[in-house]
Amino acid sequence: MNNSKKSHDLVRQNEINVQKSQKHDVNLQKNSTLYFQVGLILCLLASYGALEMSFEGSKELVYVTHEKDDSIYEVDPKIYKIVKEVKHVPKEEIVKPKPKNPDFKIVDDLEEIKKVEAKLVDVVVPPNKKPVLSTDDPSLVIEDIEPIINIMAVQQVPIFPGCEKETNNEGRRKCLSEKLSKLVQRKFDTDVATDLGITGKQKIYVSFKINKLGEVEIIETKAKHTALEKEANRVVGKIPTMQPGKNNNKPVVVSYMLPINFNIQ
């Protein structure tokens, strides 16, 4: 009994000693970690303090004196003007664009036509009178000059191709004017005017007659330039053959005044 009690006490004492030894080891580990942290903080504080320290340096002032040196001379600067060589470039000829679709207009102004026709006087010998010629030449044949009747006075107005459906003179004259207007717009070459430097409003008067066969024959043309007269005659020459005008159901020669107005800008 006594031996078992002693052994039990020894075991208990050994356990107590082991627990104390373990606590001591734990305390040592904690203390070493704490010491390391404190040392690290002190090192950091020392480094920070060293960086924040300022050192005063010696400053030397350098004085500059402005003394005049007789060996230095001031020279007035000269101004030089650089003149560039100017190359004479020939001016390019400006080509004016040719106008497109000029404004053509054929006017049926009776008063204006009468004024122009008054200047274009044709000497017509009345049919009941014949000129007396003093000649013995048997080869000379004297023909009667046929009277020319104005389109406003003829009993039956000439009929332009495409105007056959018109049954009265007023409708035939209007249709004739419209057909001629379209013909001039299609065929008249305005480059003739632009090549001559002609601009603005232009008027051309073409007096022609429609013979008994319905063919057009030019009597006279008036314009500011001969080139315009030639161009107008060329266009009038393209008028197709019509049904001739009639008086008393007989073909007669009918005169017509064609005023051509156009504007070149």
C-alpha atoms as a PDB file:
ATOM      1  CA  MET A   1       0.000   0.000   0.000  1.00  0.00           C
ATOM      2  CA  ASN A   2       2.701   2.479   0.915  1.00  0.00           C
ATOM      3  CA  ASN A   3       4.651   1.691  -2.243  1.00  0.00           C
ATOM      4  CA  SER A   4       1.695   2.333  -4.528  1.00  0.00           C
ATOM      5  CA  LYS A   5       0.977   5.619  -2.827  1.00  0.00           C
ATOM      6  CA  LYS A   6       4.554   6.752  -3.314  1.00  0.00           C
ATOM      7  CA  SER A   7       4.581   5.821  -6.942  1.00  0.00           C
ATOM      8  CA  HIS A   8       1.376   7.731  -7.448  1.00  0.00           C
ATOM      9  CA  ASP A   9       2.876  10.840  -5.878  1.00  0.00           C
ATOM     10  CA  LEU A  10       5.952  10.571  -8.073  1.00  0.00           C
ATOM     11  CA  VAL A  11       3.868  10.415 -11.220  1.00  0.00           C
ATOM     12  CA  ARG A  12       1.863  13.440 -10.183  1.00  0.00           C
ATOM     13  CA  GLN A  13       5.007  15.392  -9.407  1.00  0.00           C
ATOM     14  CA  ASN A  14       6.462  14.509 -12.803  1.00  0.00           C
ATOM     15  CA  GLU A  15       3.335  15.760 -14.536  1.00  0.00           C
ATOM     16  CA  ILE A  16       3.569  19.051 -12.690  1.00  0.00           C
ATOM     17  CA  ASN A  17       7.215  19.421 -13.677  1.00  0.00           C
ATOM     18  CA  VAL A  18       6.398  18.693 -17.326  1.00  0.00           C
ATOM     19  CA  GLN A  19       3.639  21.327 -17.347  1.00  0.00           C
ATOM     20  CA  LYS A  20       6.010  23.930 -15.869  1.00  0.00           C
ATOM     21  CA  SER A  21       8.644  23.085 -18.469  1.00  0.00           C
ATOM     22  CA  GLN A  22       6.140  23.503 -21.319  1.00  0.00           C
ATOM     23  CA  LYS A  23       4.957  26.867 -19.973  1.00  0.00           C
ATOM     24  CA  HIS A  24       8.545  28.053 -19.726  1.00  0.00           C
ATOM     25  CA  ASP A  25       9.210  27.104 -23.352  1.00  0.00           C
ATOM     26  CA  VAL A  26       6.079  28.919 -24.508  1.00  0.00           C
ATOM     27  CA  ASN A  27       7.078  32.031 -22.588  1.00  0.00           C
ATOM     28  CA  LEU A  28      10.532  31.959 -24.172  1.00  0.00           C
ATOM     29  CA  GLN A  29       9.042  31.754 -27.688  1.00  0.00           C
ATOM     30  CA  LYS A  30       6.683  34.639 -26.971  1.00  0.00           C
ATOM     31  CA  ASN A  31       9.476  36.776 -25.540  1.00  0.00           C
ATOM     32  CA  SER A  32      11.808  36.178 -28.529  1.00  0.00           C
ATOM     33  CA  THR A  33       9.067  37.174 -30.981  1.00  0.00           C
ATOM     34  CA  LEU A  34       8.294  40.303 -28.990  1.00  0.00           C
ATOM     35  CA  TYR A  35      11.958  41.273 -28.820  1.00  0.00           C
ATOM     36  CA  PHE A  36      12.298  40.852 -32.603  1.00  0.00           C
ATOM     37  CA  GLN A  37       9.299  43.064 -33.297  1.00  0.00           C
ATOM     38  CA  VAL A  38      10.511  45.767 -30.894  1.00  0.00           C
ATOM     39  CA  GLY A  39      13.960  45.718 -32.492  1.00  0.00           C
ATOM     40  CA  LEU A  40      12.513  45.992 -35.980  1.00  0.00           C
ATOM     41  CA  ILE A  41      10.381  48.982 -34.947  1.00  0.00           C
ATOM     42  CA  LEU A  42      13.423  50.715 -33.415  1.00  0.00           C
ATOM     43  CA  CYS A  43      15.440  50.168 -36.618  1.00  0.00           C
ATOM     44  CA  LEU A  44      12.674  51.636 -38.728  1.00  0.00           C
ATOM     45  CA  LEU A  45      12.368  54.671 -36.451  1.00  0.00           C
ATOM     46  CA  ALA A  46      16.116  55.224 -36.605  1.00  0.00           C
ATOM     47  CA  SER A  47      16.119  55.042 -40.419  1.00  0.00           C
ATOM     48  CA  TYR A  48      13.178  57.450 -40.666  1.00  0.00           C
ATOM     49  CA  GLY A  49      14.918  59.919 -38.326  1.00  0.00           C
ATOM     50  CA  ALA A  50      18.092  59.759 -40.381  1.00  0.00           C
ATOM     51  CA  LEU A  51      16.169  60.522 -43.550  1.00  0.00           C
ATOM     52  CA  GLU A  52      14.388  63.470 -41.958  1.00  0.00           C
ATOM     53  CA  MET A  53      17.601  65.107 -40.764  1.00  0.00           C
ATOM     54  CA  SER A  54      18.660  68.117 -42.767  1.00  0.00           C
ATOM     55  CA  PHE A  55      22.198  69.272 -43.239  1.00  0.00           C
ATOM     56  CA  GLU A  56      23.003  72.873 -43.827  1.00  0.00           C
ATOM     57  CA  GLY A  57      25.429  73.454 -46.641  1.00  0.00           C
ATOM     58  CA  SER A  58      27.599  76.390 -47.226  1.00  0.00           C
ATOM     59  CA  LYS A  59      26.320  78.810 -49.796  1.00  0.00           C
ATOM     60  CA  GLU A  60      28.735  80.971 -51.742  1.00  0.00           C
ATOM     61  CA  LEU A  61      27.497  84.169 -53.343  1.00  0.00           C
ATOM     62  CA  VAL A  62      29.038  85.085 -56.676  1.00  0.00           C
ATOM     63  CA  TYR A  63      28.934  88.763 -57.544  1.00  0.00           C
ATOM     64  CA  VAL A  64      29.083  89.853 -61.195  1.00  0.00           C
ATOM     65  CA  THR A  65      30.397  93.311 -61.939  1.00  0.00           C
ATOM     66  CA  HIS A  66      29.514  95.110 -65.156  1.00  0.00           C
ATOM     67  CA  GLU A  67      32.711  96.818 -66.182  1.00  0.00           C
ATOM     68  CA  LYS A  68      33.144  98.276 -69.619  1.00  0.00           C
ATOM     69  CA  ASP A  69      35.814  96.638 -71.670  1.00  0.00           C
ATOM     70  CA  ASP A  70      37.469  99.046 -74.102  1.00  0.00           C
ATOM     71  CA  SER A  71      38.534  96.172 -76.301  1.00  0.00           C
ATOM     72  CA  ILE A  72      34.920  95.380 -77.189  1.00  0.00           C
ATOM     73  CA  TYR A  73      33.249  97.503 -79.887  1.00  0.00           C
ATOM     74  CA  GLU A  74      29.597  97.677 -80.644  1.00  0.00           C
ATOM     75  CA  VAL A  75      28.728  97.358 -84.300  1.00  0.00           C
ATOM     76  CA  ASP A  76      25.408  98.600 -85.636  1.00  0.00           C
ATOM     77  CA  PRO A  77      23.638  95.691 -87.285  1.00  0.00           C
ATOM     78  CA  LYS A  78      22.869  96.088 -90.952  1.00  0.00           C
ATOM     79  CA  ILE A  79      19.522  95.017 -92.321  1.00  0.00           C
ATOM     80  CA  TYR A  80      19.722  92.940 -95.440  1.00  0.00           C
ATOM     81  CA  LYS A  81      16.686  92.370 -97.631  1.00  0.00           C
ATOM     82  CA  ILE A  82      16.497  89.054 -99.379  1.00  0.00           C
ATOM     83  CA  VAL A  83      14.828  89.407-102.734  1.00  0.00           C
ATOM     84  CA  LYS A  84      13.491  86.207-104.182  1.00  0.00           C
ATOM     85  CA  GLU A  85      13.740  85.729-107.873  1.00  0.00           C
ATOM     86  CA  VAL A  86      10.291  86.061-109.339  1.00  0.00           C
ATOM     87  CA  LYS A  87       9.555  83.591-112.069  1.00  0.00           C
ATOM     88  CA  HIS A  88       7.190  84.836-114.682  1.00  0.00           C
ATOM     89  CA  VAL A  89       4.676  82.086-115.112  1.00  0.00           C
ATOM     90  CA  PRO A  90       2.532  82.477-118.209  1.00  0.00           C
ATOM     91  CA  LYS A  91      -1.089  82.960-117.352  1.00  0.00           C
ATOM     92  CA  GLU A  92      -3.283  80.059-118.259  1.00  0.00           C
ATOM     93  CA  GLU A  93      -5.975  80.886-120.672  1.00  0.00           C
ATOM     94  CA  ILE A  94      -9.300  80.715-118.910  1.00  0.00           C
ATOM     95  CA  VAL A  95     -11.787  78.827-120.980  1.00  0.00           C
ATOM     96  CA  LYS A  96     -15.263  80.003-120.281  1.00  0.00           C
ATOM     97  CA  PRO A  97     -17.756  77.167-120.004  1.00  0.00           C
ATOM     98  CA  LYS A  98     -20.149  77.086-122.839  1.00  0.00           C
ATOM     99  CA  PRO A  99     -23.724  77.718-121.852  1.00  0.00           C
ATOM    100  CA  LYS A 100     -26.070  74.769-121.882  1.00  0.00           C
ATOM    101  CA  ASN A 101     -29.601  74.923-123.128  1.00  0.00           C
ATOM    102  CA  PRO A 102     -29.844  78.665-123.841  1.00  0.00           C
ATOM    103  CA  ASP A 103     -33.201  80.284-123.470  1.00  0.00           C
ATOM    104  CA  PHE A 104     -34.715  80.369-126.948  1.00  0.00           C
ATOM    105  CA  LYS A 105     -37.903  82.170-127.663  1.00  0.00           C
ATOM    106  CA  ILE A 106     -39.768  82.737-130.902  1.00  0.00           C
ATOM    107  CA  VAL A 107     -42.005  85.765-130.623  1.00  0.00           C
ATOM    108  CA  ASP A 108     -45.222  86.255-132.497  1.00  0.00           C
ATOM    109  CA  ASP A 109     -45.431  89.990-131.892  1.00  0.00           C
ATOM    110  CA  LEU A 110     -47.327  91.367-134.866  1.00  0.00           C
ATOM    111  CA  GLU A 111     -46.349  94.978-134.209  1.00  0.00           C
ATOM    112  CA  GLU A 112     -42.672  94.064-133.977  1.00  0.00           C
ATOM    113  CA  ILE A 113     -42.913  91.962-137.128  1.00  0.00           C
ATOM    114  CA  LYS A 114     -44.614  94.782-139.026  1.00  0.00           C
ATOM    115  CA  LYS A 115     -41.856  97.220-138.027  1.00  0.00           C
ATOM    116  CA  VAL A 116     -39.167  94.879-139.289  1.00  0.00           C
ATOM    117  CA  GLU A 117     -41.098  94.022-142.444  1.00  0.00           C
ATOM    118  CA  ALA A 118     -41.433  97.716-143.176  1.00  0.00           C
ATOM    119  CA  LYS A 119     -37.638  97.873-143.402  1.00  0.00           C
ATOM    120  CA  LEU A 120     -37.461  94.768-145.579  1.00  0.00           C
ATOM    121  CA  VAL A 121     -39.154  96.252-148.603  1.00  0.00           C
ATOM    122  CA  ASP A 122     -39.510  94.016-151.624  1.00  0.00           C
ATOM    123  CA  VAL A 123     -40.149  95.679-154.943  1.00  0.00           C
ATOM    124  CA  VAL A 124     -43.171  93.865-156.319  1.00  0.00           C
ATOM    125  CA  VAL A 125     -44.578  94.767-159.701  1.00  0.00           C
ATOM    126  CA  PRO A 126     -48.371  94.563-159.770  1.00  0.00           C
ATOM    127  CA  PRO A 127     -49.628  91.753-162.006  1.00  0.00           C
ATOM    128  CA  ASN A 128     -51.534  94.132-164.267  1.00  0.00           C
ATOM    129  CA  LYS A 129     -48.450  96.179-165.046  1.00  0.00           C
ATOM    130  CA  LYS A 130     -45.331  94.981-166.759  1.00  0.00           C
ATOM    131  CA  PRO A 131     -42.032  96.839-166.900  1.00  0.00           C
ATOM    132  CA  VAL A 132     -41.223  98.348-170.235  1.00  0.00           C
ATOM    133  CA  LEU A 133     -37.790  97.312-171.411  1.00  0.00           C
ATOM    134  CA  SER A 134     -36.155  98.863-174.425  1.00  0.00           C
ATOM    135  CA  THR A 135     -34.298  95.929-175.867  1.00  0.00           C
ATOM    136  CA  ASP A 136     -34.323  94.063-179.118  1.00  0.00           C
ATOM    137  CA  ASP A 137     -32.898  90.866-177.643  1.00  0.00           C
ATOM    138  CA  PRO A 138     -35.374  88.097-178.623  1.00  0.00           C
ATOM    139  CA  SER A 139     -33.876  85.727-176.008  1.00  0.00           C
ATOM    140  CA  LEU A 140     -35.008  87.972-173.165  1.00  0.00           C
ATOM    141  CA  VAL A 141     -38.024  86.448-171.427  1.00  0.00           C
ATOM    142  CA  ILE A 142     -40.059  88.660-169.168  1.00  0.00           C
ATOM    143  CA  GLU A 143     -41.840  86.770-166.425  1.00  0.00           C
ATOM    144  CA  ASP A 144     -44.596  88.037-164.248  1.00  0.00           C
ATOM    145  CA  ILE A 145     -43.486  88.581-160.633  1.00  0.00           C
ATOM    146  CA  GLU A 146     -45.809  86.715-158.346  1.00  0.00           C
ATOM    147  CA  PRO A 147     -47.237  88.704-155.472  1.00  0.00           C
ATOM    148  CA  ILE A 148     -46.212  87.709-151.942  1.00  0.00           C
ATOM    149  CA  ILE A 149     -49.024  87.578-149.414  1.00  0.00           C
ATOM    150  CA  ASN A 150     -48.385  88.019-145.707  1.00  0.00           C
ATOM    151  CA  ILE A 151     -49.278  85.040-143.550  1.00  0.00           C
ATOM    152  CA  MET A 152     -51.749  87.225-141.641  1.00  0.00           C
ATOM    153  CA  ALA A 153     -53.626  88.067-144.871  1.00  0.00           C
ATOM    154  CA  VAL A 154     -53.680  84.773-146.736  1.00  0.00           C
ATOM    155  CA  GLN A 155     -57.019  82.985-146.914  1.00  0.00           C
ATOM    156  CA  GLN A 156     -55.544  79.579-146.037  1.00  0.00           C
ATOM    157  CA  VAL A 157     -52.377  79.464-143.920  1.00  0.00           C
ATOM    158  CA  PRO A 158     -49.633  77.017-144.991  1.00  0.00           C
ATOM    159  CA  ILE A 159     -49.806  73.760-143.033  1.00  0.00           C
ATOM    160  CA  PHE A 160     -46.610  72.612-141.294  1.00  0.00           C
ATOM    161  CA  PRO A 161     -46.103  68.816-141.097  1.00  0.00           C
ATOM    162  CA  GLY A 162     -47.818  67.656-137.921  1.00  0.00           C
ATOM    163  CA  CYS A 163     -50.376  70.479-137.912  1.00  0.00           C
ATOM    164  CA  GLU A 164     -52.872  68.806-140.220  1.00  0.00           C
ATOM    165  CA  LYS A 165     -55.460  68.439-137.459  1.00  0.00           C
ATOM    166  CA  GLU A 166     -55.827  72.227-137.172  1.00  0.00           C
ATOM    167  CA  THR A 167     -58.861  73.390-139.144  1.00  0.00           C
ATOM    168  CA  ASN A 168     -58.610  77.196-138.906  1.00  0.00           C
ATOM    169  CA  ASN A 169     -55.926  79.764-139.648  1.00  0.00           C
ATOM    170  CA  GLU A 170     -55.377  80.748-136.020  1.00  0.00           C
ATOM    171  CA  GLY A 171     -54.675  77.154-134.996  1.00  0.00           C
ATOM    172  CA  ARG A 172     -52.410  76.605-138.002  1.00  0.00           C
ATOM    173  CA  ARG A 173     -50.382  79.760-137.278  1.00  0.00           C
ATOM    174  CA  LYS A 174     -49.974  78.750-133.604  1.00  0.00           C
ATOM    175  CA  CYS A 175     -48.968  75.214-134.526  1.00  0.00           C
ATOM    176  CA  LEU A 176     -46.525  76.550-137.128  1.00  0.00           C
ATOM    177  CA  SER A 177     -44.929  78.840-134.521  1.00  0.00           C
ATOM    178  CA  GLU A 178     -44.558  75.996-132.002  1.00  0.00           C
ATOM    179  CA  LYS A 179     -42.990  73.675-134.575  1.00  0.00           C
ATOM    180  CA  LEU A 180     -40.517  76.335-135.671  1.00  0.00           C
ATOM    181  CA  SER A 181     -39.626  77.069-132.028  1.00  0.00           C
ATOM    182  CA  LYS A 182     -38.787  73.410-131.380  1.00  0.00           C
ATOM    183  CA  LEU A 183     -36.777  73.231-134.592  1.00  0.00           C
ATOM    184  CA  VAL A 184     -34.695  76.275-133.653  1.00  0.00           C
ATOM    185  CA  GLN A 185     -34.069  74.982-130.120  1.00  0.00           C
ATOM    186  CA  ARG A 186     -32.793  71.670-131.477  1.00  0.00           C
ATOM    187  CA  LYS A 187     -30.749  72.908-134.408  1.00  0.00           C
ATOM    188  CA  PHE A 188     -29.428  76.368-133.519  1.00  0.00           C
ATOM    189  CA  ASP A 189     -25.761  76.200-132.460  1.00  0.00           C
ATOM    190  CA  THR A 190     -25.096  78.785-129.728  1.00  0.00           C
ATOM    191  CA  ASP A 191     -21.374  77.975-129.818  1.00  0.00           C
ATOM    192  CA  VAL A 192     -21.204  80.355-132.763  1.00  0.00           C
ATOM    193  CA  ALA A 193     -22.067  83.210-130.395  1.00  0.00           C
ATOM    194  CA  THR A 194     -19.835  82.075-127.506  1.00  0.00           C
ATOM    195  CA  ASP A 195     -16.850  81.617-129.823  1.00  0.00           C
ATOM    196  CA  LEU A 196     -17.249  85.247-130.845  1.00  0.00           C
ATOM    197  CA  GLY A 197     -17.558  86.386-127.223  1.00  0.00           C
ATOM    198  CA  ILE A 198     -21.164  87.430-127.700  1.00  0.00           C
ATOM    199  CA  THR A 199     -23.218  87.403-124.495  1.00  0.00           C
ATOM    200  CA  GLY A 200     -26.565  88.674-123.322  1.00  0.00           C
ATOM    201  CA  LYS A 201     -29.843  88.836-125.171  1.00  0.00           C
ATOM    202  CA  GLN A 202     -29.656  88.399-128.927  1.00  0.00           C
ATOM    203  CA  LYS A 203     -32.309  88.941-131.584  1.00  0.00           C
ATOM    204  CA  ILE A 204     -32.265  87.564-135.090  1.00  0.00           C
ATOM    205  CA  TYR A 205     -34.931  88.294-137.703  1.00  0.00           C
ATOM    206  CA  VAL A 206     -35.331  85.919-140.623  1.00  0.00           C
ATOM    207  CA  SER A 207     -37.771  86.854-143.373  1.00  0.00           C
ATOM    208  CA  PHE A 208     -38.643  83.981-145.679  1.00  0.00           C
ATOM    209  CA  LYS A 209     -41.387  82.966-148.050  1.00  0.00           C
ATOM    210  CA  ILE A 210     -43.227  79.728-148.632  1.00  0.00           C
ATOM    211  CA  ASN A 211     -43.576  79.259-152.371  1.00  0.00           C
ATOM    212  CA  LYS A 212     -46.393  77.534-154.237  1.00  0.00           C
ATOM    213  CA  LEU A 213     -44.695  74.180-153.737  1.00  0.00           C
ATOM    214  CA  GLY A 214     -44.525  74.687-149.971  1.00  0.00           C
ATOM    215  CA  GLU A 215     -40.745  75.151-149.990  1.00  0.00           C
ATOM    216  CA  VAL A 216     -39.016  77.794-147.857  1.00  0.00           C
ATOM    217  CA  GLU A 217     -36.943  80.511-149.542  1.00  0.00           C
ATOM    218  CA  ILE A 218     -35.041  83.051-147.432  1.00  0.00           C
ATOM    219  CA  ILE A 219     -35.639  86.703-148.307  1.00  0.00           C
ATOM    220  CA  GLU A 220     -33.443  88.504-145.776  1.00  0.00           C
ATOM    221  CA  THR A 221     -31.830  87.948-142.377  1.00  0.00           C
ATOM    222  CA  LYS A 222     -30.792  90.565-139.834  1.00  0.00           C
ATOM    223  CA  ALA A 223     -28.575  90.100-136.763  1.00  0.00           C
ATOM    224  CA  LYS A 224     -25.782  91.916-134.921  1.00  0.00           C
ATOM    225  CA  HIS A 225     -23.168  89.619-136.431  1.00  0.00           C
ATOM    226  CA  THR A 226     -22.940  87.961-139.814  1.00  0.00           C
ATOM    227  CA  ALA A 227     -22.056  84.654-138.164  1.00  0.00           C
ATOM    228  CA  LEU A 228     -25.408  84.674-136.391  1.00  0.00           C
ATOM    229  CA  GLU A 229     -27.138  85.442-139.691  1.00  0.00           C
ATOM    230  CA  LYS A 230     -25.452  82.463-141.339  1.00  0.00           C
ATOM    231  CA  GLU A 231     -26.409  80.163-138.485  1.00  0.00           C
ATOM    232  CA  ALA A 232     -30.023  81.352-138.611  1.00  0.00           C
ATOM    233  CA  ASN A 233     -30.132  80.765-142.377  1.00  0.00           C
ATOM    234  CA  ARG A 234     -28.727  77.268-141.881  1.00  0.00           C
ATOM    235  CA  VAL A 235     -31.467  76.429-139.371  1.00  0.00           C
ATOM    236  CA  VAL A 236     -34.236  77.892-141.552  1.00  0.00           C
ATOM    237  CA  GLY A 237     -32.931  75.771-144.411  1.00  0.00           C
ATOM    238  CA  LYS A 238     -33.924  72.706-142.393  1.00  0.00           C
ATOM    239  CA  ILE A 239     -37.622  73.646-142.351  1.00  0.00           C
ATOM    240  CA  PRO A 240     -39.477  70.815-144.105  1.00  0.00           C
ATOM    241  CA  THR A 241     -41.777  71.268-147.079  1.00  0.00           C
ATOM    242  CA  MET A 242     -45.300  72.372-146.097  1.00  0.00           C
ATOM    243  CA  GLN A 243     -48.664  72.430-147.706  1.00  0.00           C
ATOM    244  CA  PRO A 244     -48.639  75.835-149.487  1.00  0.00           C
ATOM    245  CA  GLY A 245     -50.933  78.681-148.560  1.00  0.00           C
ATOM    246  CA  LYS A 246     -53.941  79.303-150.752  1.00  0.00           C
ATOM    247  CA  ASN A 247     -56.128  82.089-151.976  1.00  0.00           C
ATOM    248  CA  ASN A 248     -59.351  81.080-153.685  1.00  0.00           C
ATOM    249  CA  ASN A 249     -58.178  77.474-153.373  1.00  0.00           C
ATOM    250  CA  LYS A 250     -55.090  78.242-155.480  1.00  0.00           C
ATOM    251  CA  PRO A 251     -51.519  78.010-154.151  1.00  0.00           C
ATOM    252  CA  VAL A 252     -49.897  81.384-153.474  1.00  0.00           C
ATOM    253  CA  VAL A 253     -46.563  82.624-152.131  1.00  0.00           C
ATOM    254  CA  VAL A 254     -46.785  83.438-148.415  1.00  0.00           C
ATOM    255  CA  SER A 255     -44.261  85.528-146.432  1.00  0.00           C
ATOM    256  CA  TYR A 256     -43.332  84.823-142.826  1.00  0.00           C
ATOM    257  CA  MET A 257     -41.169  86.717-140.334  1.00  0.00           C
ATOM    258  CA  LEU A 258     -39.290  84.516-137.863  1.00  0.00           C
ATOM    259  CA  PRO A 259     -37.874  86.453-134.881  1.00  0.00           C
ATOM    260  CA  ILE A 260     -35.396  84.371-132.860  1.00  0.00           C
ATOM    261  CA  ASN A 261     -34.583  85.590-129.352  1.00  0.00           C
ATOM    262  CA  PHE A 262     -32.050  83.847-127.127  1.00  0.00           C
ATOM    263  CA  ASN A 263     -29.989  84.739-124.085  1.00  0.00           C
ATOM    264  CA  ILE A 264     -26.374  83.710-123.500  1.00  0.00           C
ATOM    265  CA  GLN A 265     -25.069  84.156-119.947  1.00  0.00           C
END
